């Protein structure tokens, strides 16, 4: 096996939720009497921490991130339906091969766990690492703290994500990185990282197995 551990990002990587996130964002904008944004604008604004994204849309002194986080979670579950096609099959194949699997997310832990349980895929993961609030801040420190306690060397691990923040997180942990142009950041942006980029989920199997 190339890797002993796969560290999965959740939103946009395993979870097919780009459309859900865009629609929830536009619902927030509508609530505040602001015009919707396009997918192209979404791609151009996306950043980490997510407050940098919302700085393009709101004065955060008037509409704080604590409020935006609550509003986003009131809309997002209406639209989010499930995983990318082929995701569960790959999770199964990795489990059969004895590969450890972990979710590392900037989202709220309770929300990630809720969706993982609802989709019936909890059994595939050894751990779910995520934030304890709704602010969606950087997950680099969570990753560094976790990997320092592991017996598997970082060079035998890979971070799989859909944003440049996932690449930065992989660098912080000392792991390999594979980026998926199927989620919250454009393929053109992801290609600037200089790591493998896949454009369909099924392409991951060749890299991971």
Protein backbone atom coordinates (compact mmCIF):
# COMPACT_ATOMS: atom_id res chain seq x y z
CA UNK A 1 0.00 0.00 0.00
CA UNK A 2 1.18 3.49 -0.83
CA UNK A 3 -0.49 4.96 2.26
CA UNK A 4 -1.38 3.61 5.69
CA UNK A 5 -3.72 6.48 6.49
CA UNK A 6 -6.01 8.69 4.40
CA UNK A 7 -7.03 12.01 5.96
CA UNK A 8 -10.24 13.15 4.30
CA UNK A 9 -11.59 16.65 4.10
CA UNK A 10 -15.37 16.56 4.43
CA UNK A 11 -17.15 19.45 2.70
CA UNK A 12 -16.70 19.30 -1.05
CA UNK A 13 -14.40 16.26 -0.95
CA UNK A 14 -16.49 13.39 0.40
CA UNK A 15 -19.64 15.49 0.79
CA UNK A 16 -21.07 16.62 -2.56
CA UNK A 17 -22.22 19.95 -1.16
CA UNK A 18 -20.98 22.77 -3.37
CA UNK A 19 -24.48 23.49 -4.62
CA UNK A 20 -25.89 23.24 -1.10
CA UNK A 21 -23.32 25.70 0.21
CA UNK A 22 -23.90 28.17 -2.63
CA UNK A 23 -27.66 28.00 -2.17
CA UNK A 24 -27.36 28.42 1.61
CA UNK A 25 -25.05 31.41 1.11
CA UNK A 26 -27.56 33.01 -1.25
CA UNK A 27 -30.34 32.39 1.26
CA UNK A 28 -28.31 34.29 3.85
CA UNK A 29 -27.80 37.12 1.37
CA UNK A 30 -31.52 37.21 0.61
CA UNK A 31 -32.32 37.38 4.33
CA UNK A 32 -30.16 40.50 4.51
CA UNK A 33 -31.64 41.98 1.31
CA UNK A 34 -28.49 41.47 -0.73
CA UNK A 35 -28.22 40.08 -4.28
CA UNK A 36 -27.15 36.46 -4.85
CA UNK A 37 -23.68 35.48 -6.00
CA UNK A 38 -22.76 33.21 -8.90
CA UNK A 39 -20.64 30.07 -8.80
CA UNK A 40 -17.81 32.04 -10.39
CA UNK A 41 -17.98 34.60 -7.58
CA UNK A 42 -18.10 31.83 -5.01
CA UNK A 43 -14.90 30.32 -6.43
CA UNK A 44 -13.15 33.69 -6.50
CA UNK A 45 -14.11 34.59 -2.91
CA UNK A 46 -13.50 31.23 -1.23
CA UNK A 47 -10.78 31.40 1.42
CA UNK A 48 -9.78 30.16 4.85
CA UNK A 49 -10.75 31.03 7.47
CA UNK A 50 -14.23 31.32 5.99
CA UNK A 51 -14.57 34.82 7.46
CA UNK A 52 -12.40 36.00 4.55
CA UNK A 53 -15.04 34.67 2.17
CA UNK A 54 -17.85 36.49 3.95
CA UNK A 55 -15.88 39.75 4.05
CA UNK A 56 -16.72 40.00 0.34
CA UNK A 57 -20.42 39.82 1.15
CA UNK A 58 -20.95 41.56 4.50
CA UNK A 59 -19.53 44.08 6.90
CA UNK A 60 -18.63 41.60 9.64
CA UNK A 61 -18.92 44.34 12.24
CA UNK A 62 -22.62 44.57 11.36
CA UNK A 63 -23.25 40.88 10.62
CA UNK A 64 -20.76 38.89 12.75
CA UNK A 65 -19.51 35.43 11.86
CA UNK A 66 -21.31 33.97 14.88
CA UNK A 67 -24.61 35.05 13.30
CA UNK A 68 -23.63 33.94 9.79
CA UNK A 69 -22.67 30.51 11.09
CA UNK A 70 -26.07 30.02 12.71
CA UNK A 71 -27.89 31.27 9.62
CA UNK A 72 -25.85 29.04 7.30
CA UNK A 73 -26.71 25.97 9.36
CA UNK A 74 -30.39 26.87 9.25
CA UNK A 75 -30.33 26.69 5.43
CA UNK A 76 -27.63 24.18 4.51
CA UNK A 77 -29.40 20.98 5.67
CA UNK A 78 -32.29 21.79 3.33
CA UNK A 79 -30.02 21.33 0.33
CA UNK A 80 -27.26 18.87 1.25
CA UNK A 81 -28.14 15.40 0.00
CA UNK A 82 -25.12 13.11 0.07
CA UNK A 83 -21.70 11.97 -1.01
CA UNK A 84 -19.94 12.27 -4.34
CA UNK A 85 -20.65 9.27 -6.59
CA UNK A 86 -18.15 6.52 -5.83
CA UNK A 87 -17.17 7.90 -2.43
CA UNK A 88 -18.66 5.15 -0.30
CA UNK A 89 -17.26 2.45 -2.57
CA UNK A 90 -13.75 3.88 -2.15
CA UNK A 91 -14.19 4.15 1.62
CA UNK A 92 -15.15 0.48 1.64
CA UNK A 93 -12.16 -0.51 -0.50
CA UNK A 94 -9.73 1.36 1.72
CA UNK A 95 -11.23 -0.22 4.83
CA UNK A 96 -10.89 -3.68 3.30
CA UNK A 97 -7.26 -2.91 2.51
CA UNK A 98 -6.60 -2.04 6.17
CA UNK A 99 -6.07 1.67 5.57
CA UNK A 100 -6.85 3.97 8.49
CA UNK A 101 -9.29 6.75 7.57
CA UNK A 102 -9.86 10.04 9.35
CA UNK A 103 -12.01 13.10 8.63
CA UNK A 104 -10.33 16.46 9.24
CA UNK A 105 -12.78 19.33 8.78
CA UNK A 106 -13.09 23.05 9.49
CA UNK A 107 -16.80 22.52 10.08
CA UNK A 108 -18.52 22.05 13.41
CA UNK A 109 -17.86 18.56 14.75
CA UNK A 110 -21.49 17.92 15.72
CA UNK A 111 -22.69 18.80 12.22
CA UNK A 112 -20.12 16.58 10.51
CA UNK A 113 -20.95 13.69 12.83
CA UNK A 114 -24.68 14.24 12.21
CA UNK A 115 -24.25 13.97 8.45
CA UNK A 116 -21.80 11.06 8.61
CA UNK A 117 -24.26 9.11 10.76
CA UNK A 118 -27.23 10.05 8.57
CA UNK A 119 -25.39 8.79 5.49
CA UNK A 120 -24.47 5.52 7.21
CA UNK A 121 -20.70 5.82 6.77
CA UNK A 122 -19.48 6.29 10.35
CA UNK A 123 -18.02 2.77 10.39
CA UNK A 124 -15.31 3.68 7.88
CA UNK A 125 -13.62 6.31 10.04
CA UNK A 126 -11.26 5.87 12.95
CA UNK A 127 -11.70 9.49 14.02
CA UNK A 128 -13.57 12.66 13.12
CA UNK A 129 -11.50 15.78 13.76
CA UNK A 130 -13.37 19.08 13.47
CA UNK A 131 -14.08 22.41 15.11
CA UNK A 132 -16.06 22.91 18.30
CA UNK A 133 -17.85 26.03 16.98
CA UNK A 134 -19.51 27.36 13.81
CA UNK A 135 -16.74 29.80 12.81
CA UNK A 136 -15.07 27.42 10.30
CA UNK A 137 -11.56 28.59 11.12
CA UNK A 138 -8.30 26.98 9.98
CA UNK A 139 -7.88 23.29 10.74
CA UNK A 140 -4.07 23.31 10.50
CA UNK A 141 -3.56 23.29 14.27
CA UNK A 142 -6.06 20.47 14.74
CA UNK A 143 -4.12 18.46 12.15
CA UNK A 144 -0.72 19.20 13.71
CA UNK A 145 -1.92 18.28 17.19
CA UNK A 146 -3.44 15.04 15.95
CA UNK A 147 -0.52 13.87 13.81
CA UNK A 148 1.96 14.45 16.64
CA UNK A 149 0.22 11.65 18.56
CA UNK A 150 0.19 9.08 15.73
CA UNK A 151 2.47 6.08 15.32
CA UNK A 152 2.12 6.10 11.50
CA UNK A 153 4.82 8.35 9.99
CA UNK A 154 3.48 11.40 8.11
CA UNK A 155 5.10 10.25 4.87
CA UNK A 156 2.77 7.22 4.91
CA UNK A 157 -0.29 9.48 5.14
CA UNK A 158 -2.12 11.57 2.55
CA UNK A 159 -4.54 14.47 2.88
CA UNK A 160 -7.34 14.44 0.31
CA UNK A 161 -9.18 17.73 -0.08
CA UNK A 162 -10.79 20.20 -2.44
CA UNK A 163 -9.20 23.54 -1.46
CA UNK A 164 -5.80 25.16 -1.15
CA UNK A 165 -6.40 25.22 2.59
CA UNK A 166 -6.30 21.42 2.49
CA UNK A 167 -2.93 21.67 0.75
CA UNK A 168 -1.69 24.09 3.42
CA UNK A 169 -2.95 21.73 6.12
CA UNK A 170 -1.13 18.78 4.53
CA UNK A 171 2.09 20.81 4.46
CA UNK A 172 1.63 21.72 8.12
CA UNK A 173 1.24 18.04 8.99
CA UNK A 174 4.07 16.85 6.71
CA UNK A 175 1.84 14.54 4.64
CA UNK A 176 1.28 14.09 0.93
CA UNK A 177 -1.72 15.83 -0.61
CA UNK A 178 -4.16 15.07 -3.42
CA UNK A 179 -6.63 17.76 -4.44
CA UNK A 180 -10.05 17.16 -5.99
CA UNK A 181 -11.48 19.70 -8.43
CA UNK A 182 -15.01 18.58 -7.58
CA UNK A 183 -15.80 20.88 -4.67
CA UNK A 184 -15.37 24.39 -3.35
CA UNK A 185 -12.38 25.68 -5.32
CA UNK A 186 -11.71 25.85 -9.03
CA UNK A 187 -9.39 23.46 -10.84
CA UNK A 188 -7.25 26.39 -12.00
CA UNK A 189 -6.65 27.49 -8.42
CA UNK A 190 -5.91 23.96 -7.22
CA UNK A 191 -3.32 23.40 -9.96
CA UNK A 192 -1.20 26.21 -8.48
CA UNK A 193 -0.32 23.94 -5.53
CA UNK A 194 1.85 21.62 -7.64
CA UNK A 195 0.34 18.41 -6.23
CA UNK A 196 -1.85 15.81 -7.98
CA UNK A 197 -5.29 17.12 -8.92
CA UNK A 198 -8.16 14.82 -9.90
CA UNK A 199 -11.29 15.98 -11.67
CA UNK A 200 -13.54 13.02 -10.85
CA UNK A 201 -13.84 11.07 -7.62
CA UNK A 202 -13.20 7.66 -9.21
CA UNK A 203 -9.69 8.84 -10.19
CA UNK A 204 -8.69 8.77 -6.52
CA UNK A 205 -8.63 5.00 -6.41
CA UNK A 206 -5.51 4.79 -8.58
CA UNK A 207 -3.69 7.16 -6.22
CA UNK A 208 -4.85 5.65 -2.93
CA UNK A 209 -4.85 1.95 -3.81
